[in-house]
Amino acid sequence: MYWNKRISLKISLTGLLLALMIVFDVWSQLMPFNGFLKFNLSLIFTLTIFQFIGFKWGIFSLITLFLFSPAYSSLGYDIAGLFGTFMQVLTQFVFVMSYLLLNKLFFRRKNQKIKSKNRADLFKIIFAILSTTLIMVAINIFFATPLFFKLFKLSKHYDFIHFSKEYGKFKALFFFIPNYYLGTFVTYFLFNIANLSINSIVIYISNYNINRIAKNIF
């Protein structure tokens, strides 16, 4: 009976947070960055599901987001739209894994003081932001950007070496920086830092309040 209640509670909480993920994902469609990138605030709820409900439920929520997000995207279920959604989901997954991995390796003590917990949360968030940003910048430079433009039939090449030679036609999307590697690095670095920082401010405030509430209750 107790086990059934726990499962029912997890299903209910996951459903609620998943609904909020989708609402904020829809809202994020109206928050463009430099023309072809969009901020996304659904990461707040993704991390909450992974952190407080469970890993399997977090994976389920990301799969659901991947399946439903194209339904209200301007590109729909076109292959380019699906690829864009995949990159969004991948970014969230890398951030969550970076955060949880650092937590498991270095912050496993349960009886920490509130100040220590808050400092640990801040450190984990900064680590997750930086590691996710660098990983996604590399993926975008060497894989995602050439493929994305190829899927839109704006380029003839899938690989970054040949695409870098066509880059001049698209440099307006990358702050008019003439070098492909520098232009894409600056654009994706700034975007990921900004996007993840906006999400992380809310995550940090939420964790701070949870720690205070837990202290008063227990």
C-alpha atoms as a PDB file:
ATOM      1  CA  MET A   1       0.000   0.000   0.000  1.00  0.00           C
ATOM      2  CA  TYR A   2       2.807   2.407   0.954  1.00  0.00           C
ATOM      3  CA  TRP A   3       4.661   1.578  -2.269  1.00  0.00           C
ATOM      4  CA  ASN A   4       1.521   2.273  -4.328  1.00  0.00           C
ATOM      5  CA  LYS A   5       1.077   5.643  -2.614  1.00  0.00           C
ATOM      6  CA  ARG A   6       4.684   6.604  -3.370  1.00  0.00           C
ATOM      7  CA  ILE A   7       4.278   5.678  -7.039  1.00  0.00           C
ATOM      8  CA  SER A   8       0.995   7.590  -7.252  1.00  0.00           C
ATOM      9  CA  LEU A   9       2.635  10.633  -5.677  1.00  0.00           C
ATOM     10  CA  LYS A  10       5.569  10.469  -8.101  1.00  0.00           C
ATOM     11  CA  ILE A  11       3.211  10.156 -11.073  1.00  0.00           C
ATOM     12  CA  SER A  12       1.172  13.143  -9.870  1.00  0.00           C
ATOM     13  CA  LEU A  13       4.203  15.345  -9.213  1.00  0.00           C
ATOM     14  CA  THR A  14       5.844  14.371 -12.506  1.00  0.00           C
ATOM     15  CA  GLY A  15       2.624  15.149 -14.367  1.00  0.00           C
ATOM     16  CA  LEU A  16       2.350  18.557 -12.690  1.00  0.00           C
ATOM     17  CA  LEU A  17       5.982  19.486 -13.335  1.00  0.00           C
ATOM     18  CA  LEU A  18       5.802  18.138 -16.889  1.00  0.00           C
ATOM     19  CA  ALA A  19       2.785  20.353 -17.544  1.00  0.00           C
ATOM     20  CA  LEU A  20       4.772  23.341 -16.245  1.00  0.00           C
ATOM     21  CA  MET A  21       7.719  22.294 -18.444  1.00  0.00           C
ATOM     22  CA  ILE A  22       5.502  22.388 -21.520  1.00  0.00           C
ATOM     23  CA  VAL A  23       3.887  25.722 -20.551  1.00  0.00           C
ATOM     24  CA  PHE A  24       7.288  27.360 -20.067  1.00  0.00           C
ATOM     25  CA  ASP A  25       8.576  25.704 -23.232  1.00  0.00           C
ATOM     26  CA  VAL A  26       5.700  27.262 -25.195  1.00  0.00           C
ATOM     27  CA  TRP A  27       6.400  30.632 -23.589  1.00  0.00           C
ATOM     28  CA  SER A  28      10.077  30.309 -24.456  1.00  0.00           C
ATOM     29  CA  GLN A  29       9.199  30.239 -28.164  1.00  0.00           C
ATOM     30  CA  LEU A  30       8.706  34.012 -27.811  1.00  0.00           C
ATOM     31  CA  MET A  31      12.227  34.624 -26.440  1.00  0.00           C
ATOM     32  CA  PRO A  32      14.647  34.629 -29.405  1.00  0.00           C
ATOM     33  CA  PHE A  33      18.400  35.156 -29.195  1.00  0.00           C
ATOM     34  CA  ASN A  34      20.241  36.527 -32.222  1.00  0.00           C
ATOM     35  CA  GLY A  35      17.550  35.429 -34.650  1.00  0.00           C
ATOM     36  CA  PHE A  36      17.751  31.625 -34.722  1.00  0.00           C
ATOM     37  CA  LEU A  37      18.265  30.578 -31.093  1.00  0.00           C
ATOM     38  CA  LYS A  38      15.647  30.669 -28.333  1.00  0.00           C
ATOM     39  CA  PHE A  39      15.906  30.882 -24.574  1.00  0.00           C
ATOM     40  CA  ASN A  40      14.200  28.030 -22.738  1.00  0.00           C
ATOM     41  CA  LEU A  41      13.022  28.077 -19.123  1.00  0.00           C
ATOM     42  CA  SER A  42      11.733  24.511 -18.855  1.00  0.00           C
ATOM     43  CA  LEU A  43      15.106  23.372 -17.441  1.00  0.00           C
ATOM     44  CA  ILE A  44      13.923  24.593 -14.029  1.00  0.00           C
ATOM     45  CA  PHE A  45      11.329  21.827 -13.871  1.00  0.00           C
ATOM     46  CA  THR A  46      13.503  19.204 -15.563  1.00  0.00           C
ATOM     47  CA  LEU A  47      16.136  19.446 -12.824  1.00  0.00           C
ATOM     48  CA  THR A  48      13.435  19.381 -10.145  1.00  0.00           C
ATOM     49  CA  ILE A  49      12.082  16.091 -11.498  1.00  0.00           C
ATOM     50  CA  PHE A  50      15.542  14.501 -11.697  1.00  0.00           C
ATOM     51  CA  GLN A  51      16.599  15.803  -8.283  1.00  0.00           C
ATOM     52  CA  PHE A  52      13.517  15.176  -6.163  1.00  0.00           C
ATOM     53  CA  ILE A  53      11.421  12.532  -7.965  1.00  0.00           C
ATOM     54  CA  GLY A  54      13.939  10.259  -9.645  1.00  0.00           C
ATOM     55  CA  PHE A  55      16.204   9.611 -12.607  1.00  0.00           C
ATOM     56  CA  LYS A  56      13.719   7.457 -14.541  1.00  0.00           C
ATOM     57  CA  TRP A  57      11.025  10.098 -14.160  1.00  0.00           C
ATOM     58  CA  GLY A  58      13.427  12.748 -15.411  1.00  0.00           C
ATOM     59  CA  ILE A  59      14.250  10.701 -18.511  1.00  0.00           C
ATOM     60  CA  PHE A  60      10.531  10.187 -19.089  1.00  0.00           C
ATOM     61  CA  SER A  61       9.920  13.937 -18.858  1.00  0.00           C
ATOM     62  CA  LEU A  62      12.658  14.729 -21.394  1.00  0.00           C
ATOM     63  CA  ILE A  63      11.345  12.114 -23.841  1.00  0.00           C
ATOM     64  CA  THR A  64       7.844  13.548 -23.452  1.00  0.00           C
ATOM     65  CA  LEU A  65       9.148  17.073 -24.033  1.00  0.00           C
ATOM     66  CA  PHE A  66      10.940  15.890 -27.181  1.00  0.00           C
ATOM     67  CA  LEU A  67       7.747  14.296 -28.509  1.00  0.00           C
ATOM     68  CA  PHE A  68       5.393  17.190 -27.700  1.00  0.00           C
ATOM     69  CA  SER A  69       7.559  20.272 -28.263  1.00  0.00           C
ATOM     70  CA  PRO A  70       7.465  20.146 -32.097  1.00  0.00           C
ATOM     71  CA  ALA A  71       3.645  20.248 -31.943  1.00  0.00           C
ATOM     72  CA  TYR A  72       3.721  23.951 -31.029  1.00  0.00           C
ATOM     73  CA  SER A  73       7.044  24.829 -32.657  1.00  0.00           C
ATOM     74  CA  SER A  74       7.100  26.928 -35.824  1.00  0.00           C
ATOM     75  CA  LEU A  75       8.965  24.100 -37.593  1.00  0.00           C
ATOM     76  CA  GLY A  76       6.614  21.378 -36.355  1.00  0.00           C
ATOM     77  CA  TYR A  77       7.674  17.772 -36.915  1.00  0.00           C
ATOM     78  CA  ASP A  78       9.905  18.648 -39.851  1.00  0.00           C
ATOM     79  CA  ILE A  79      13.326  16.999 -39.567  1.00  0.00           C
ATOM     80  CA  ALA A  80      14.922  20.401 -38.856  1.00  0.00           C
ATOM     81  CA  GLY A  81      12.384  21.035 -36.101  1.00  0.00           C
ATOM     82  CA  LEU A  82      13.013  17.640 -34.530  1.00  0.00           C
ATOM     83  CA  PHE A  83      16.750  18.260 -34.630  1.00  0.00           C
ATOM     84  CA  GLY A  84      16.319  21.628 -32.916  1.00  0.00           C
ATOM     85  CA  THR A  85      14.204  20.014 -30.205  1.00  0.00           C
ATOM     86  CA  PHE A  86      16.791  17.261 -29.766  1.00  0.00           C
ATOM     87  CA  MET A  87      19.519  19.869 -29.193  1.00  0.00           C
ATOM     88  CA  GLN A  88      17.344  21.594 -26.603  1.00  0.00           C
ATOM     89  CA  VAL A  89      16.707  18.317 -24.765  1.00  0.00           C
ATOM     90  CA  LEU A  90      20.388  17.378 -25.000  1.00  0.00           C
ATOM     91  CA  THR A  91      21.382  20.693 -23.397  1.00  0.00           C
ATOM     92  CA  GLN A  92      19.039  20.056 -20.484  1.00  0.00           C
ATOM     93  CA  PHE A  93      20.303  16.497 -20.061  1.00  0.00           C
ATOM     94  CA  VAL A  94      23.967  17.576 -20.022  1.00  0.00           C
ATOM     95  CA  PHE A  95      23.219  20.296 -17.450  1.00  0.00           C
ATOM     96  CA  VAL A  96      21.299  17.932 -15.179  1.00  0.00           C
ATOM     97  CA  MET A  97      23.962  15.222 -15.412  1.00  0.00           C
ATOM     98  CA  SER A  98      26.737  17.726 -14.644  1.00  0.00           C
ATOM     99  CA  TYR A  99      24.835  18.993 -11.615  1.00  0.00           C
ATOM    100  CA  LEU A 100      23.925  15.551 -10.269  1.00  0.00           C
ATOM    101  CA  LEU A 101      27.366  14.052 -10.935  1.00  0.00           C
ATOM    102  CA  LEU A 102      29.103  16.768  -8.929  1.00  0.00           C
ATOM    103  CA  ASN A 103      26.514  16.361  -6.183  1.00  0.00           C
ATOM    104  CA  LYS A 104      27.120  12.599  -6.006  1.00  0.00           C
ATOM    105  CA  LEU A 105      30.914  12.873  -6.006  1.00  0.00           C
ATOM    106  CA  PHE A 106      31.453  15.728  -3.564  1.00  0.00           C
ATOM    107  CA  PHE A 107      28.258  16.743  -1.765  1.00  0.00           C
ATOM    108  CA  ARG A 108      26.723  13.561  -0.358  1.00  0.00           C
ATOM    109  CA  ARG A 109      26.498  14.643   3.309  1.00  0.00           C
ATOM    110  CA  LYS A 110      22.885  14.933   4.425  1.00  0.00           C
ATOM    111  CA  ASN A 111      23.400  16.880   7.656  1.00  0.00           C
ATOM    112  CA  GLN A 112      24.861  20.044   6.178  1.00  0.00           C
ATOM    113  CA  LYS A 113      24.043  23.484   7.567  1.00  0.00           C
ATOM    114  CA  ILE A 114      21.909  25.751   5.413  1.00  0.00           C
ATOM    115  CA  LYS A 115      24.849  28.036   4.538  1.00  0.00           C
ATOM    116  CA  SER A 116      26.921  25.032   3.490  1.00  0.00           C
ATOM    117  CA  LYS A 117      24.058  23.666   1.381  1.00  0.00           C
ATOM    118  CA  ASN A 118      23.569  27.022  -0.310  1.00  0.00           C
ATOM    119  CA  ARG A 119      27.280  27.346  -1.091  1.00  0.00           C
ATOM    120  CA  ALA A 120      27.299  23.778  -2.423  1.00  0.00           C
ATOM    121  CA  ASP A 121      24.254  24.508  -4.606  1.00  0.00           C
ATOM    122  CA  LEU A 122      25.923  27.622  -5.992  1.00  0.00           C
ATOM    123  CA  PHE A 123      29.108  25.695  -6.787  1.00  0.00           C
ATOM    124  CA  LYS A 124      27.171  22.863  -8.476  1.00  0.00           C
ATOM    125  CA  ILE A 125      25.176  25.332 -10.551  1.00  0.00           C
ATOM    126  CA  ILE A 126      28.269  27.243 -11.703  1.00  0.00           C
ATOM    127  CA  PHE A 127      30.007  23.971 -12.580  1.00  0.00           C
ATOM    128  CA  ALA A 128      26.946  22.753 -14.512  1.00  0.00           C
ATOM    129  CA  ILE A 129      26.657  26.050 -16.412  1.00  0.00           C
ATOM    130  CA  LEU A 130      30.310  26.086 -17.467  1.00  0.00           C
ATOM    131  CA  SER A 131      30.597  22.383 -18.322  1.00  0.00           C
ATOM    132  CA  THR A 132      27.313  22.365 -20.259  1.00  0.00           C
ATOM    133  CA  THR A 133      28.265  25.526 -22.123  1.00  0.00           C
ATOM    134  CA  LEU A 134      31.638  24.157 -23.227  1.00  0.00           C
ATOM    135  CA  ILE A 135      30.188  20.772 -24.238  1.00  0.00           C
ATOM    136  CA  MET A 136      27.329  22.317 -26.222  1.00  0.00           C
ATOM    137  CA  VAL A 137      29.631  24.878 -27.866  1.00  0.00           C
ATOM    138  CA  ALA A 138      31.843  22.030 -29.120  1.00  0.00           C
ATOM    139  CA  ILE A 139      28.840  20.010 -30.343  1.00  0.00           C
ATOM    140  CA  ASN A 140      27.416  23.027 -32.152  1.00  0.00           C
ATOM    141  CA  ILE A 141      30.683  24.019 -33.820  1.00  0.00           C
ATOM    142  CA  PHE A 142      31.701  20.578 -35.053  1.00  0.00           C
ATOM    143  CA  PHE A 143      28.358  18.885 -35.619  1.00  0.00           C
ATOM    144  CA  ALA A 144      25.059  20.697 -35.064  1.00  0.00           C
ATOM    145  CA  THR A 145      25.556  23.958 -36.971  1.00  0.00           C
ATOM    146  CA  PRO A 146      26.596  22.418 -40.325  1.00  0.00           C
ATOM    147  CA  LEU A 147      23.836  19.814 -40.035  1.00  0.00           C
ATOM    148  CA  PHE A 148      21.207  22.398 -39.110  1.00  0.00           C
ATOM    149  CA  PHE A 149      21.959  24.572 -42.149  1.00  0.00           C
ATOM    150  CA  LYS A 150      22.051  21.488 -44.358  1.00  0.00           C
ATOM    151  CA  LEU A 151      18.618  20.415 -43.111  1.00  0.00           C
ATOM    152  CA  PHE A 152      17.317  23.866 -44.020  1.00  0.00           C
ATOM    153  CA  LYS A 153      18.835  23.390 -47.483  1.00  0.00           C
ATOM    154  CA  LEU A 154      20.960  26.506 -46.977  1.00  0.00           C
ATOM    155  CA  SER A 155      24.217  24.595 -47.254  1.00  0.00           C
ATOM    156  CA  LYS A 156      25.472  21.691 -49.328  1.00  0.00           C
ATOM    157  CA  HIS A 157      27.625  20.161 -46.613  1.00  0.00           C
ATOM    158  CA  TYR A 158      27.099  18.254 -43.358  1.00  0.00           C
ATOM    159  CA  ASP A 159      30.669  18.626 -42.088  1.00  0.00           C
ATOM    160  CA  PHE A 160      32.127  21.678 -40.367  1.00  0.00           C
ATOM    161  CA  ILE A 161      35.269  21.805 -42.535  1.00  0.00           C
ATOM    162  CA  HIS A 162      33.368  22.410 -45.774  1.00  0.00           C
ATOM    163  CA  PHE A 163      30.672  24.483 -44.053  1.00  0.00           C
ATOM    164  CA  SER A 164      33.301  26.849 -42.648  1.00  0.00           C
ATOM    165  CA  LYS A 165      34.129  27.795 -46.246  1.00  0.00           C
ATOM    166  CA  GLU A 166      30.482  28.830 -46.819  1.00  0.00           C
ATOM    167  CA  TYR A 167      30.271  30.610 -43.479  1.00  0.00           C
ATOM    168  CA  GLY A 168      30.542  34.088 -45.014  1.00  0.00           C
ATOM    169  CA  LYS A 169      26.915  33.846 -46.198  1.00  0.00           C
ATOM    170  CA  PHE A 170      25.696  33.291 -42.637  1.00  0.00           C
ATOM    171  CA  LYS A 171      28.011  35.432 -40.504  1.00  0.00           C
ATOM    172  CA  ALA A 172      25.178  37.924 -39.858  1.00  0.00           C
ATOM    173  CA  LEU A 173      23.718  35.278 -37.536  1.00  0.00           C
ATOM    174  CA  PHE A 174      26.994  35.123 -35.634  1.00  0.00           C
ATOM    175  CA  PHE A 175      27.529  38.813 -34.803  1.00  0.00           C
ATOM    176  CA  PHE A 176      29.227  39.366 -38.197  1.00  0.00           C
ATOM    177  CA  ILE A 177      32.404  37.754 -36.885  1.00  0.00           C
ATOM    178  CA  PRO A 178      34.348  36.776 -40.049  1.00  0.00           C
ATOM    179  CA  ASN A 179      35.932  33.570 -38.706  1.00  0.00           C
ATOM    180  CA  TYR A 180      33.634  30.517 -38.471  1.00  0.00           C
ATOM    181  CA  TYR A 181      35.194  29.020 -35.349  1.00  0.00           C
ATOM    182  CA  LEU A 182      35.346  32.304 -33.456  1.00  0.00           C
ATOM    183  CA  GLY A 183      31.891  33.389 -34.614  1.00  0.00           C
ATOM    184  CA  THR A 184      30.169  30.169 -33.600  1.00  0.00           C
ATOM    185  CA  PHE A 185      32.134  29.967 -30.342  1.00  0.00           C
ATOM    186  CA  VAL A 186      31.155  33.488 -29.270  1.00  0.00           C
ATOM    187  CA  THR A 187      27.510  33.060 -30.296  1.00  0.00           C
ATOM    188  CA  TYR A 188      26.908  29.696 -28.643  1.00  0.00           C
ATOM    189  CA  PHE A 189      29.001  30.564 -25.594  1.00  0.00           C
ATOM    190  CA  LEU A 190      27.035  33.755 -24.911  1.00  0.00           C
ATOM    191  CA  PHE A 191      23.709  32.059 -25.623  1.00  0.00           C
ATOM    192  CA  ASN A 192      24.323  29.075 -23.360  1.00  0.00           C
ATOM    193  CA  ILE A 193      25.754  31.188 -20.541  1.00  0.00           C
ATOM    194  CA  ALA A 194      22.739  33.524 -20.687  1.00  0.00           C
ATOM    195  CA  ASN A 195      20.134  30.771 -21.083  1.00  0.00           C
ATOM    196  CA  LEU A 196      21.526  28.529 -18.348  1.00  0.00           C
ATOM    197  CA  SER A 197      22.144  31.448 -15.983  1.00  0.00           C
ATOM    198  CA  ILE A 198      18.528  32.611 -16.232  1.00  0.00           C
ATOM    199  CA  ASN A 199      17.341  29.096 -15.383  1.00  0.00           C
ATOM    200  CA  SER A 200      19.953  28.696 -12.653  1.00  0.00           C
ATOM    201  CA  ILE A 201      18.941  31.854 -10.788  1.00  0.00           C
ATOM    202  CA  VAL A 202      15.456  30.405 -10.351  1.00  0.00           C
ATOM    203  CA  ILE A 203      16.905  26.977  -9.463  1.00  0.00           C
ATOM    204  CA  TYR A 204      19.186  28.479  -6.799  1.00  0.00           C
ATOM    205  CA  ILE A 205      16.388  30.548  -5.245  1.00  0.00           C
ATOM    206  CA  SER A 206      14.122  27.474  -5.215  1.00  0.00           C
ATOM    207  CA  ASN A 207      16.774  25.295  -3.546  1.00  0.00           C
ATOM    208  CA  TYR A 208      17.506  28.072  -1.035  1.00  0.00           C
ATOM    209  CA  ASN A 209      13.841  28.232  -0.017  1.00  0.00           C
ATOM    210  CA  ILE A 210      13.549  24.432   0.099  1.00  0.00           C
ATOM    211  CA  ASN A 211      16.537  24.271   2.466  1.00  0.00           C
ATOM    212  CA  ARG A 212      14.984  26.877   4.777  1.00  0.00           C
ATOM    213  CA  ILE A 213      11.595  25.156   4.785  1.00  0.00           C
ATOM    214  CA  ALA A 214      13.199  21.772   5.472  1.00  0.00           C
ATOM    215  CA  LYS A 215      15.093  23.226   8.446  1.00  0.00           C
ATOM    216  CA  ASN A 216      11.910  24.654   9.968  1.00  0.00           C
ATOM    217  CA  ILE A 217       9.995  21.403   9.477  1.00  0.00           C
ATOM    218  CA  PHE A 218      12.633  18.932  10.604  1.00  0.00           C
END
